[in-house]
Amino acid sequence: MDLSIYHCGYEENRFVCMEAAEELAAEDTPIGDVGAAVGYPNQLNFSRAFKGVYGMLPREYRQRNIIRKVSV
């Protein structure tokens, strides 16, 4: 197994999820639309990838971000 390919895929996925996280925090765009905008037309695949990077689903990330904005 070539770990460099896996590492490259993880880094690319992390970058894509970082872009999605910014959009999730800034707007009320539906999660499926956010995923499609960053290259995941299937919402389930996007949610799995996002959870792999952030340890939580996009919905949970958005809820925590909204709470943080309100309490600050």
N, C-alpha and C. Protein backbone atom coordinates (compact mmCIF):
# COMPACT_ATOMS: atom_id res chain seq x y z
N MET A 1 0.85 -1.19 0.00
CA MET A 1 0.00 0.00 0.00
C MET A 1 0.88 1.24 0.00
N ASP A 2 0.60 2.14 -0.92
CA ASP A 2 1.38 3.37 -1.03
C ASP A 2 0.78 4.44 -0.12
N LEU A 3 1.44 4.68 1.00
CA LEU A 3 0.91 5.64 1.99
C LEU A 3 0.97 7.08 1.50
N SER A 4 1.85 7.38 0.55
CA SER A 4 1.92 8.75 0.05
C SER A 4 0.63 9.13 -0.66
N ILE A 5 0.00 8.16 -1.36
CA ILE A 5 -1.27 8.44 -2.01
C ILE A 5 -2.35 8.70 -0.96
N TYR A 6 -2.36 7.90 0.10
CA TYR A 6 -3.32 8.10 1.17
C TYR A 6 -3.12 9.47 1.82
N HIS A 7 -1.88 9.82 2.09
CA HIS A 7 -1.58 11.10 2.75
C HIS A 7 -2.02 12.26 1.86
N CYS A 8 -1.73 12.17 0.58
CA CYS A 8 -2.13 13.23 -0.35
C CYS A 8 -3.65 13.36 -0.36
N GLY A 9 -4.35 12.25 -0.39
CA GLY A 9 -5.81 12.29 -0.37
C GLY A 9 -6.34 12.90 0.90
N TYR A 10 -5.70 12.60 2.03
CA TYR A 10 -6.14 13.16 3.31
C TYR A 10 -5.92 14.67 3.32
N GLU A 11 -4.76 15.12 2.85
CA GLU A 11 -4.47 16.55 2.85
C GLU A 11 -5.45 17.31 1.95
N GLU A 12 -5.75 16.75 0.79
CA GLU A 12 -6.70 17.38 -0.11
C GLU A 12 -8.08 17.43 0.55
N ASN A 13 -8.48 16.35 1.17
CA ASN A 13 -9.77 16.27 1.85
C ASN A 13 -9.83 17.28 3.00
N ARG A 14 -8.76 17.42 3.73
CA ARG A 14 -8.71 18.38 4.83
C ARG A 14 -8.89 19.80 4.32
N PHE A 15 -8.23 20.12 3.22
CA PHE A 15 -8.35 21.45 2.64
C PHE A 15 -9.78 21.72 2.19
N VAL A 16 -10.39 20.75 1.52
CA VAL A 16 -11.78 20.89 1.05
C VAL A 16 -12.71 21.09 2.24
N CYS A 17 -12.51 20.33 3.30
CA CYS A 17 -13.36 20.45 4.48
C CYS A 17 -13.15 21.78 5.19
N MET A 18 -11.95 22.32 5.14
CA MET A 18 -11.71 23.64 5.73
C MET A 18 -12.51 24.70 4.97
N GLU A 19 -12.55 24.61 3.65
CA GLU A 19 -13.36 25.53 2.86
C GLU A 19 -14.83 25.40 3.22
N ALA A 20 -15.28 24.17 3.34
CA ALA A 20 -16.69 23.92 3.68
C ALA A 20 -17.01 24.45 5.08
N ALA A 21 -16.09 24.29 6.02
CA ALA A 21 -16.32 24.76 7.39
C ALA A 21 -16.52 26.27 7.42
N GLU A 22 -15.75 26.99 6.61
CA GLU A 22 -15.92 28.44 6.56
C GLU A 22 -17.32 28.80 6.07
N GLU A 23 -17.77 28.10 5.06
CA GLU A 23 -19.11 28.38 4.52
C GLU A 23 -20.20 27.96 5.51
N LEU A 24 -20.01 26.85 6.18
CA LEU A 24 -21.01 26.40 7.17
C LEU A 24 -21.14 27.42 8.29
N ALA A 25 -20.04 28.01 8.70
CA ALA A 25 -20.06 28.98 9.79
C ALA A 25 -20.62 30.33 9.36
N ALA A 26 -20.45 30.66 8.10
CA ALA A 26 -20.80 32.01 7.65
C ALA A 26 -22.22 32.13 7.10
N GLU A 27 -22.77 31.06 6.59
CA GLU A 27 -24.05 31.16 5.89
C GLU A 27 -25.01 30.06 6.32
N ASP A 28 -26.26 30.24 5.94
CA ASP A 28 -27.29 29.23 6.20
C ASP A 28 -27.55 28.36 4.97
N THR A 29 -26.56 28.26 4.10
CA THR A 29 -26.68 27.42 2.91
C THR A 29 -26.93 25.98 3.33
N PRO A 30 -27.85 25.29 2.69
CA PRO A 30 -28.08 23.88 3.03
C PRO A 30 -26.78 23.07 2.94
N ILE A 31 -26.62 22.13 3.85
CA ILE A 31 -25.39 21.35 3.94
C ILE A 31 -25.10 20.62 2.63
N GLY A 32 -26.11 20.09 1.99
CA GLY A 32 -25.91 19.41 0.72
C GLY A 32 -25.34 20.34 -0.34
N ASP A 33 -25.78 21.61 -0.33
CA ASP A 33 -25.28 22.59 -1.29
C ASP A 33 -23.83 22.96 -0.98
N VAL A 34 -23.49 23.04 0.30
CA VAL A 34 -22.10 23.31 0.68
C VAL A 34 -21.21 22.18 0.20
N GLY A 35 -21.64 20.95 0.43
CA GLY A 35 -20.87 19.79 -0.03
C GLY A 35 -20.68 19.80 -1.54
N ALA A 36 -21.76 20.09 -2.26
CA ALA A 36 -21.67 20.12 -3.73
C ALA A 36 -20.71 21.22 -4.19
N ALA A 37 -20.72 22.35 -3.49
CA ALA A 37 -19.85 23.46 -3.88
C ALA A 37 -18.36 23.13 -3.72
N VAL A 38 -18.04 22.23 -2.81
CA VAL A 38 -16.63 21.86 -2.61
C VAL A 38 -16.28 20.52 -3.25
N GLY A 39 -17.20 19.98 -4.06
CA GLY A 39 -16.87 18.80 -4.84
C GLY A 39 -17.47 17.49 -4.36
N TYR A 40 -18.43 17.53 -3.46
CA TYR A 40 -19.11 16.33 -2.97
C TYR A 40 -20.59 16.41 -3.34
N PRO A 41 -20.99 15.95 -4.52
CA PRO A 41 -22.39 16.03 -4.89
C PRO A 41 -23.30 15.13 -4.04
N ASN A 42 -22.73 14.15 -3.37
CA ASN A 42 -23.49 13.25 -2.50
C ASN A 42 -23.32 13.72 -1.05
N GLN A 43 -24.41 14.14 -0.41
CA GLN A 43 -24.33 14.69 0.94
C GLN A 43 -23.79 13.69 1.95
N LEU A 44 -24.12 12.41 1.81
CA LEU A 44 -23.63 11.40 2.73
C LEU A 44 -22.10 11.30 2.66
N ASN A 45 -21.56 11.30 1.45
CA ASN A 45 -20.10 11.25 1.31
C ASN A 45 -19.44 12.50 1.88
N PHE A 46 -20.07 13.64 1.66
CA PHE A 46 -19.54 14.88 2.23
C PHE A 46 -19.53 14.83 3.76
N SER A 47 -20.62 14.37 4.34
CA SER A 47 -20.71 14.30 5.80
C SER A 47 -19.67 13.35 6.37
N ARG A 48 -19.45 12.22 5.72
CA ARG A 48 -18.43 11.27 6.17
C ARG A 48 -17.03 11.88 6.10
N ALA A 49 -16.74 12.54 4.99
CA ALA A 49 -15.42 13.16 4.83
C ALA A 49 -15.22 14.27 5.86
N PHE A 50 -16.24 15.08 6.07
CA PHE A 50 -16.16 16.18 7.03
C PHE A 50 -15.94 15.64 8.44
N LYS A 51 -16.66 14.59 8.78
CA LYS A 51 -16.50 14.00 10.11
C LYS A 51 -15.11 13.40 10.28
N GLY A 52 -14.56 12.85 9.22
CA GLY A 52 -13.21 12.31 9.28
C GLY A 52 -12.16 13.37 9.59
N VAL A 53 -12.41 14.59 9.16
CA VAL A 53 -11.46 15.68 9.40
C VAL A 53 -11.75 16.39 10.72
N TYR A 54 -13.01 16.71 10.98
CA TYR A 54 -13.37 17.52 12.15
C TYR A 54 -13.88 16.73 13.35
N GLY A 55 -14.17 15.45 13.15
CA GLY A 55 -14.66 14.64 14.26
C GLY A 55 -16.12 14.89 14.61
N MET A 56 -16.82 15.60 13.75
CA MET A 56 -18.25 15.85 13.95
C MET A 56 -18.89 16.07 12.59
N LEU A 57 -20.19 15.87 12.52
CA LEU A 57 -20.92 16.08 11.29
C LEU A 57 -21.04 17.57 10.97
N PRO A 58 -21.22 17.91 9.69
CA PRO A 58 -21.36 19.33 9.33
C PRO A 58 -22.47 20.04 10.11
N ARG A 59 -23.58 19.33 10.35
CA ARG A 59 -24.69 19.92 11.11
C ARG A 59 -24.24 20.28 12.52
N GLU A 60 -23.49 19.38 13.17
CA GLU A 60 -22.99 19.63 14.52
C GLU A 60 -22.01 20.80 14.52
N TYR A 61 -21.16 20.85 13.51
CA TYR A 61 -20.19 21.95 13.40
C TYR A 61 -20.92 23.28 13.29
N ARG A 62 -21.94 23.32 12.45
CA ARG A 62 -22.71 24.56 12.26
C ARG A 62 -23.39 24.96 13.57
N GLN A 63 -24.01 24.01 14.26
CA GLN A 63 -24.69 24.33 15.52
C GLN A 63 -23.72 24.86 16.56
N ARG A 64 -22.57 24.26 16.68
CA ARG A 64 -21.58 24.73 17.66
C ARG A 64 -21.06 26.10 17.30
N ASN A 65 -20.91 26.36 16.03
CA ASN A 65 -20.43 27.66 15.58
C ASN A 65 -21.46 28.74 15.85
N ILE A 66 -22.72 28.43 15.61
CA ILE A 66 -23.78 29.40 15.87
C ILE A 66 -23.84 29.73 17.36
N ILE A 67 -23.74 28.72 18.21
CA ILE A 67 -23.76 28.94 19.65
C ILE A 67 -22.59 29.81 20.07
N ARG A 68 -21.42 29.55 19.52
CA ARG A 68 -20.24 30.32 19.86
C ARG A 68 -20.40 31.78 19.44
N LYS A 69 -20.98 32.03 18.26
CA LYS A 69 -21.18 33.40 17.79
C LYS A 69 -22.16 34.16 18.69
N VAL A 70 -23.21 33.48 19.12
CA VAL A 70 -24.23 34.12 19.95
C VAL A 70 -23.68 34.44 21.33
N SER A 71 -22.87 33.56 21.90
CA SER A 71 -22.40 33.76 23.27
C SER A 71 -21.23 34.74 23.36
N VAL A 72 -20.62 35.09 22.27
CA VAL A 72 -19.46 36.01 22.30
C VAL A 72 -19.89 37.42 22.35
